[in-house]
Structures are given as structure tokens and as C-alpha cells.
């Protein structure tokens, strides 16, 4: 759920990968640059709004995780599998 109260749901499929800034800083930086269209050798400053990413479909789908929003990974029957809220 976003700060504004808007809820959205995405189907991640059979598997997903979570990459968090504090757990995998190098992988996070690669995804952040890719998400923002910044080449690896270009100077880039992280504005701190994103604290992680969820990738699915073999990395073809990228979902940023924003500070202040709430994120849960749910099972197909609606139970919480993982809470990714920062």
C-alpha cells in the first residue's frame, strides 16, 4: 500500500528475487542504475526514495520498493509469505 492509501497487486509468478540496499549494495546499485537508465560508468547519486527491488520473470520484471510504502509477498491462497516493508 502506498502512502496515499492506494493499493496495488502484482502477480510475481512462481519465483521472485528481492534485492535490498542494505543487504546487497552492489546488486542494488546495478538495479537502481538500470531502473533510472544510467550507465554503470556515469556518476549517479541515489536520492534514497527506493530501498529495494523485487524482480520476477527471470529478471524481466522489476518492481521498486519505495520508502514509506508497505509491501507483502502473498501466497496463492492469500497468506503472507514475506513482509518487505522497510
C-alpha atoms as a PDB file:
ATOM      1  CA  UNK A   1       0.000   0.000   0.000  1.00  0.00           C
ATOM      2  CA  UNK A   2       1.279   3.430  -0.922  1.00  0.00           C
ATOM      3  CA  UNK A   3       1.388   6.402   1.480  1.00  0.00           C
ATOM      4  CA  UNK A   4      -1.607   7.821  -0.373  1.00  0.00           C
ATOM      5  CA  UNK A   5      -3.689   4.771   0.596  1.00  0.00           C
ATOM      6  CA  UNK A   6      -3.733   3.378  -2.953  1.00  0.00           C
ATOM      7  CA  UNK A   7      -3.385  -0.397  -3.084  1.00  0.00           C
ATOM      8  CA  UNK A   8      -1.985  -2.366  -5.996  1.00  0.00           C
ATOM      9  CA  UNK A   9      -1.351  -6.030  -6.593  1.00  0.00           C
ATOM     10  CA  UNK A  10       1.123  -7.619  -8.969  1.00  0.00           C
ATOM     11  CA  UNK A  11       1.392 -11.278  -9.853  1.00  0.00           C
ATOM     12  CA  UNK A  12       5.031 -12.276  -9.474  1.00  0.00           C
ATOM     13  CA  UNK A  13       4.605 -15.818 -10.802  1.00  0.00           C
ATOM     14  CA  UNK A  14       6.423 -18.836  -9.433  1.00  0.00           C
ATOM     15  CA  UNK A  15       9.523 -17.097  -8.133  1.00  0.00           C
ATOM     16  CA  UNK A  16      10.974 -13.707  -7.299  1.00  0.00           C
ATOM     17  CA  UNK A  17      14.256 -12.208  -6.122  1.00  0.00           C
ATOM     18  CA  UNK A  18      14.471  -9.428  -3.543  1.00  0.00           C
ATOM     19  CA  UNK A  19      17.484  -7.108  -3.640  1.00  0.00           C
ATOM     20  CA  UNK A  20      17.765  -4.738  -0.699  1.00  0.00           C
ATOM     21  CA  UNK A  21      20.055  -1.725  -0.449  1.00  0.00           C
ATOM     22  CA  UNK A  22      21.352  -2.668   2.999  1.00  0.00           C
ATOM     23  CA  UNK A  23      21.800  -6.378   2.217  1.00  0.00           C
ATOM     24  CA  UNK A  24      23.215  -6.329  -1.321  1.00  0.00           C
ATOM     25  CA  UNK A  25      24.510  -2.808  -2.004  1.00  0.00           C
ATOM     26  CA  UNK A  26      26.351  -3.671  -5.239  1.00  0.00           C
ATOM     27  CA  UNK A  27      23.392  -5.532  -6.761  1.00  0.00           C
ATOM     28  CA  UNK A  28      21.057  -2.780  -5.554  1.00  0.00           C
ATOM     29  CA  UNK A  29      23.226  -0.145  -7.266  1.00  0.00           C
ATOM     30  CA  UNK A  30      23.168  -2.115 -10.547  1.00  0.00           C
ATOM     31  CA  UNK A  31      19.367  -2.373 -10.457  1.00  0.00           C
ATOM     32  CA  UNK A  32      18.939   1.267  -9.411  1.00  0.00           C
ATOM     33  CA  UNK A  33      21.087   2.429 -12.314  1.00  0.00           C
ATOM     34  CA  UNK A  34      19.219   0.169 -14.732  1.00  0.00           C
ATOM     35  CA  UNK A  35      15.842   1.373 -13.385  1.00  0.00           C
ATOM     36  CA  UNK A  36      16.921   5.000 -13.889  1.00  0.00           C
ATOM     37  CA  UNK A  37      18.579   4.406 -17.286  1.00  0.00           C
ATOM     38  CA  UNK A  38      22.048   5.343 -16.007  1.00  0.00           C
ATOM     39  CA  UNK A  39      25.135   3.699 -17.478  1.00  0.00           C
ATOM     40  CA  UNK A  40      27.466   1.935 -14.993  1.00  0.00           C
ATOM     41  CA  UNK A  41      30.362   4.385 -15.523  1.00  0.00           C
ATOM     42  CA  UNK A  42      28.268   7.562 -15.104  1.00  0.00           C
ATOM     43  CA  UNK A  43      28.320   9.429 -11.779  1.00  0.00           C
ATOM     44  CA  UNK A  44      24.913   8.910 -10.157  1.00  0.00           C
ATOM     45  CA  UNK A  45      23.504   9.974  -6.783  1.00  0.00           C
ATOM     46  CA  UNK A  46      20.858   7.825  -5.105  1.00  0.00           C
ATOM     47  CA  UNK A  47      18.042  10.057  -3.807  1.00  0.00           C
ATOM     48  CA  UNK A  48      17.136   7.495  -1.103  1.00  0.00           C
ATOM     49  CA  UNK A  49      13.487   7.004  -2.135  1.00  0.00           C
ATOM     50  CA  UNK A  50      13.995   3.345  -3.123  1.00  0.00           C
ATOM     51  CA  UNK A  51      15.290   0.829  -0.566  1.00  0.00           C
ATOM     52  CA  UNK A  52      14.994  -2.351  -2.598  1.00  0.00           C
ATOM     53  CA  UNK A  53      13.729  -4.127  -5.685  1.00  0.00           C
ATOM     54  CA  UNK A  54      11.710  -7.239  -6.397  1.00  0.00           C
ATOM     55  CA  UNK A  55      12.478  -8.917  -9.698  1.00  0.00           C
ATOM     56  CA  UNK A  56      10.397 -11.647 -11.277  1.00  0.00           C
ATOM     57  CA  UNK A  57      10.036 -13.415 -14.618  1.00  0.00           C
ATOM     58  CA  UNK A  58      13.762 -14.153 -14.681  1.00  0.00           C
ATOM     59  CA  UNK A  59      14.642 -10.505 -14.054  1.00  0.00           C
ATOM     60  CA  UNK A  60      12.446  -9.198 -16.877  1.00  0.00           C
ATOM     61  CA  UNK A  61      10.052  -7.508 -14.435  1.00  0.00           C
ATOM     62  CA  UNK A  62      11.458  -5.063 -11.895  1.00  0.00           C
ATOM     63  CA  UNK A  63       9.399  -3.627  -9.049  1.00  0.00           C
ATOM     64  CA  UNK A  64      10.992  -0.855  -6.941  1.00  0.00           C
ATOM     65  CA  UNK A  65      10.259  -0.718  -3.199  1.00  0.00           C
ATOM     66  CA  UNK A  66       9.741   2.864  -2.010  1.00  0.00           C
ATOM     67  CA  UNK A  67      10.385   4.187   1.497  1.00  0.00           C
ATOM     68  CA  UNK A  68       7.075   4.763   3.281  1.00  0.00           C
ATOM     69  CA  UNK A  69       5.082   2.224   1.262  1.00  0.00           C
ATOM     70  CA  UNK A  70       4.071  -1.234   2.556  1.00  0.00           C
ATOM     71  CA  UNK A  71       4.975  -4.449   0.705  1.00  0.00           C
ATOM     72  CA  UNK A  72       3.923  -8.039   1.313  1.00  0.00           C
ATOM     73  CA  UNK A  73       4.588 -11.154  -0.742  1.00  0.00           C
ATOM     74  CA  UNK A  74       1.496 -13.320  -0.552  1.00  0.00           C
ATOM     75  CA  UNK A  75       0.931 -16.978  -1.352  1.00  0.00           C
ATOM     76  CA  UNK A  76      -1.686 -18.059  -3.875  1.00  0.00           C
ATOM     77  CA  UNK A  77      -4.159 -18.691  -1.037  1.00  0.00           C
ATOM     78  CA  UNK A  78      -3.733 -15.197   0.452  1.00  0.00           C
ATOM     79  CA  UNK A  79      -1.438 -15.844   3.410  1.00  0.00           C
ATOM     80  CA  UNK A  80       1.591 -13.615   3.979  1.00  0.00           C
ATOM     81  CA  UNK A  81       4.814 -15.217   2.811  1.00  0.00           C
ATOM     82  CA  UNK A  82       7.155 -12.284   3.399  1.00  0.00           C
ATOM     83  CA  UNK A  83       6.875  -8.688   4.630  1.00  0.00           C
ATOM     84  CA  UNK A  84       9.315  -6.467   2.720  1.00  0.00           C
ATOM     85  CA  UNK A  85       8.326  -3.180   4.348  1.00  0.00           C
ATOM     86  CA  UNK A  86      11.362  -1.129   5.317  1.00  0.00           C
END
